[in-house]
Amino acid sequence: LKRLFSDRVSPFKINGYPGEKWTLTKQQQEWLKTGEQTGEKKGKADTLLRQLQRRFGQVPEQIIAKVTQADLKRIEAWSDNFVFAQSLDDVFAN
């Protein structure tokens, strides 16, 4: 792999094998960042849905779709609302 990417290096480094450093191209850095953001969003959405199910029982399909399609900031806002919510409507209130 080192030879494969040796012509396209950037200052961003990750650990390779012990004693070696690997570098990532700009495009690889962007893929890594996108993957991390996608994972963070999915994790927060999954957590919110689990919490909703535990507090309010079965979560309607339209709510599941709403959460899984939302952006990260919206999911975080709903998660904040969840803390004091007495109903699903309270969680998703503007």
C-alpha atoms as a PDB file:
ATOM      1  CA  LEU A   1       0.000   0.000   0.000  1.00  0.00           C
ATOM      2  CA  LYS A   2       2.819   2.352   0.785  1.00  0.00           C
ATOM      3  CA  ARG A   3       4.100   2.111  -2.794  1.00  0.00           C
ATOM      4  CA  LEU A   4       0.585   2.497  -4.166  1.00  0.00           C
ATOM      5  CA  PHE A   5       0.040   5.834  -2.416  1.00  0.00           C
ATOM      6  CA  SER A   6       3.619   7.110  -2.281  1.00  0.00           C
ATOM      7  CA  ASP A   7       3.105   9.493  -5.201  1.00  0.00           C
ATOM      8  CA  ARG A   8       0.115  11.185  -3.537  1.00  0.00           C
ATOM      9  CA  VAL A   9       1.037  12.232  -0.037  1.00  0.00           C
ATOM     10  CA  SER A  10      -0.172  14.906   2.314  1.00  0.00           C
ATOM     11  CA  PRO A  11       0.815  16.115   5.781  1.00  0.00           C
ATOM     12  CA  PHE A  12      -1.949  14.052   7.431  1.00  0.00           C
ATOM     13  CA  LYS A  13      -0.433  10.880   8.884  1.00  0.00           C
ATOM     14  CA  ILE A  14      -1.872   7.761  10.445  1.00  0.00           C
ATOM     15  CA  ASN A  15      -0.104   4.869  12.100  1.00  0.00           C
ATOM     16  CA  GLY A  16       0.850   2.013   9.797  1.00  0.00           C
ATOM     17  CA  TYR A  17       2.824  -0.980  10.851  1.00  0.00           C
ATOM     18  CA  PRO A  18       4.982  -0.533  13.946  1.00  0.00           C
ATOM     19  CA  GLY A  19       7.709   1.951  13.136  1.00  0.00           C
ATOM     20  CA  GLU A  20       6.078   3.134   9.881  1.00  0.00           C
ATOM     21  CA  LYS A  21       3.963   6.150   9.036  1.00  0.00           C
ATOM     22  CA  TRP A  22       1.405   6.157   6.243  1.00  0.00           C
ATOM     23  CA  THR A  23       0.135   9.264   4.580  1.00  0.00           C
ATOM     24  CA  LEU A  24      -3.298   9.925   3.120  1.00  0.00           C
ATOM     25  CA  THR A  25      -4.172  11.898   0.023  1.00  0.00           C
ATOM     26  CA  LYS A  26      -6.538  14.845   0.303  1.00  0.00           C
ATOM     27  CA  GLN A  27      -9.302  12.711  -1.215  1.00  0.00           C
ATOM     28  CA  GLN A  28      -8.667   9.908   1.281  1.00  0.00           C
ATOM     29  CA  GLN A  29      -8.825  12.422   4.131  1.00  0.00           C
ATOM     30  CA  GLU A  30     -12.208  13.604   2.821  1.00  0.00           C
ATOM     31  CA  TRP A  31     -13.468  10.010   2.604  1.00  0.00           C
ATOM     32  CA  LEU A  32     -12.301   9.375   6.151  1.00  0.00           C
ATOM     33  CA  LYS A  33     -14.004  12.527   7.423  1.00  0.00           C
ATOM     34  CA  THR A  34     -17.230  11.682   5.568  1.00  0.00           C
ATOM     35  CA  GLY A  35     -17.176   8.174   6.989  1.00  0.00           C
ATOM     36  CA  GLU A  36     -16.650   9.486  10.515  1.00  0.00           C
ATOM     37  CA  GLN A  37     -19.512  11.972  10.142  1.00  0.00           C
ATOM     38  CA  THR A  38     -21.809   9.287   8.736  1.00  0.00           C
ATOM     39  CA  GLY A  39     -20.939   6.970  11.612  1.00  0.00           C
ATOM     40  CA  GLU A  40     -21.506   9.700  14.190  1.00  0.00           C
ATOM     41  CA  LYS A  41     -24.908  10.559  12.681  1.00  0.00           C
ATOM     42  CA  LYS A  42     -25.989   6.915  12.554  1.00  0.00           C
ATOM     43  CA  GLY A  43     -24.845   6.312  16.107  1.00  0.00           C
ATOM     44  CA  LYS A  44     -26.733   9.305  17.461  1.00  0.00           C
ATOM     45  CA  ALA A  45     -29.847   8.436  15.461  1.00  0.00           C
ATOM     46  CA  ASP A  46     -29.752   4.834  16.732  1.00  0.00           C
ATOM     47  CA  THR A  47     -29.335   6.037  20.323  1.00  0.00           C
ATOM     48  CA  LEU A  48     -32.221   8.493  20.049  1.00  0.00           C
ATOM     49  CA  LEU A  49     -34.499   5.846  18.552  1.00  0.00           C
ATOM     50  CA  ARG A  50     -33.592   3.383  21.303  1.00  0.00           C
ATOM     51  CA  GLN A  51     -34.294   5.983  23.986  1.00  0.00           C
ATOM     52  CA  LEU A  52     -37.626   6.891  22.373  1.00  0.00           C
ATOM     53  CA  GLN A  53     -38.634   3.235  22.288  1.00  0.00           C
ATOM     54  CA  ARG A  54     -37.698   2.701  25.939  1.00  0.00           C
ATOM     55  CA  ARG A  55     -39.602   5.754  27.178  1.00  0.00           C
ATOM     56  CA  PHE A  56     -42.622   5.834  24.858  1.00  0.00           C
ATOM     57  CA  GLY A  57     -42.939   2.267  23.563  1.00  0.00           C
ATOM     58  CA  GLN A  58     -43.107   1.327  19.890  1.00  0.00           C
ATOM     59  CA  VAL A  59     -41.851   4.167  17.685  1.00  0.00           C
ATOM     60  CA  PRO A  60     -44.003   4.798  14.592  1.00  0.00           C
ATOM     61  CA  GLU A  61     -42.373   4.154  11.204  1.00  0.00           C
ATOM     62  CA  GLN A  62     -42.743   7.812  10.182  1.00  0.00           C
ATOM     63  CA  ILE A  63     -40.726   8.873  13.256  1.00  0.00           C
ATOM     64  CA  ILE A  64     -38.039   6.287  12.486  1.00  0.00           C
ATOM     65  CA  ALA A  65     -37.826   7.610   8.924  1.00  0.00           C
ATOM     66  CA  LYS A  66     -37.737  11.201  10.161  1.00  0.00           C
ATOM     67  CA  VAL A  67     -34.830  10.484  12.508  1.00  0.00           C
ATOM     68  CA  THR A  68     -32.798   8.381  10.076  1.00  0.00           C
ATOM     69  CA  GLN A  69     -33.145  10.992   7.318  1.00  0.00           C
ATOM     70  CA  ALA A  70     -32.366  14.020   9.495  1.00  0.00           C
ATOM     71  CA  ASP A  71     -29.028  15.816   9.627  1.00  0.00           C
ATOM     72  CA  LEU A  72     -26.767  15.602  12.664  1.00  0.00           C
ATOM     73  CA  LYS A  73     -27.712  19.003  14.127  1.00  0.00           C
ATOM     74  CA  ARG A  74     -31.413  18.134  14.023  1.00  0.00           C
ATOM     75  CA  ILE A  75     -30.799  14.748  15.700  1.00  0.00           C
ATOM     76  CA  GLU A  76     -28.795  16.478  18.430  1.00  0.00           C
ATOM     77  CA  ALA A  77     -31.602  19.016  18.989  1.00  0.00           C
ATOM     78  CA  TRP A  78     -34.166  16.215  19.305  1.00  0.00           C
ATOM     79  CA  SER A  79     -31.858  14.392  21.714  1.00  0.00           C
ATOM     80  CA  ASP A  80     -31.733  17.525  23.867  1.00  0.00           C
ATOM     81  CA  ASN A  81     -35.540  17.778  23.734  1.00  0.00           C
ATOM     82  CA  PHE A  82     -35.831  14.126  24.767  1.00  0.00           C
ATOM     83  CA  VAL A  83     -34.410  14.868  28.220  1.00  0.00           C
ATOM     84  CA  PHE A  84     -37.538  16.730  29.374  1.00  0.00           C
ATOM     85  CA  ALA A  85     -40.092  15.353  26.879  1.00  0.00           C
ATOM     86  CA  GLN A  86     -43.342  13.877  28.167  1.00  0.00           C
ATOM     87  CA  SER A  87     -44.394  12.667  24.699  1.00  0.00           C
ATOM     88  CA  LEU A  88     -43.061  12.072  21.197  1.00  0.00           C
ATOM     89  CA  ASP A  89     -44.594  15.412  20.188  1.00  0.00           C
ATOM     90  CA  ASP A  90     -42.427  17.149  22.822  1.00  0.00           C
ATOM     91  CA  VAL A  91     -39.280  15.591  21.351  1.00  0.00           C
ATOM     92  CA  PHE A  92     -40.015  16.811  17.838  1.00  0.00           C
ATOM     93  CA  ALA A  93     -41.452  20.227  18.732  1.00  0.00           C
ATOM     94  CA  ASN A  94     -39.650  23.116  17.070  1.00  0.00           C
END
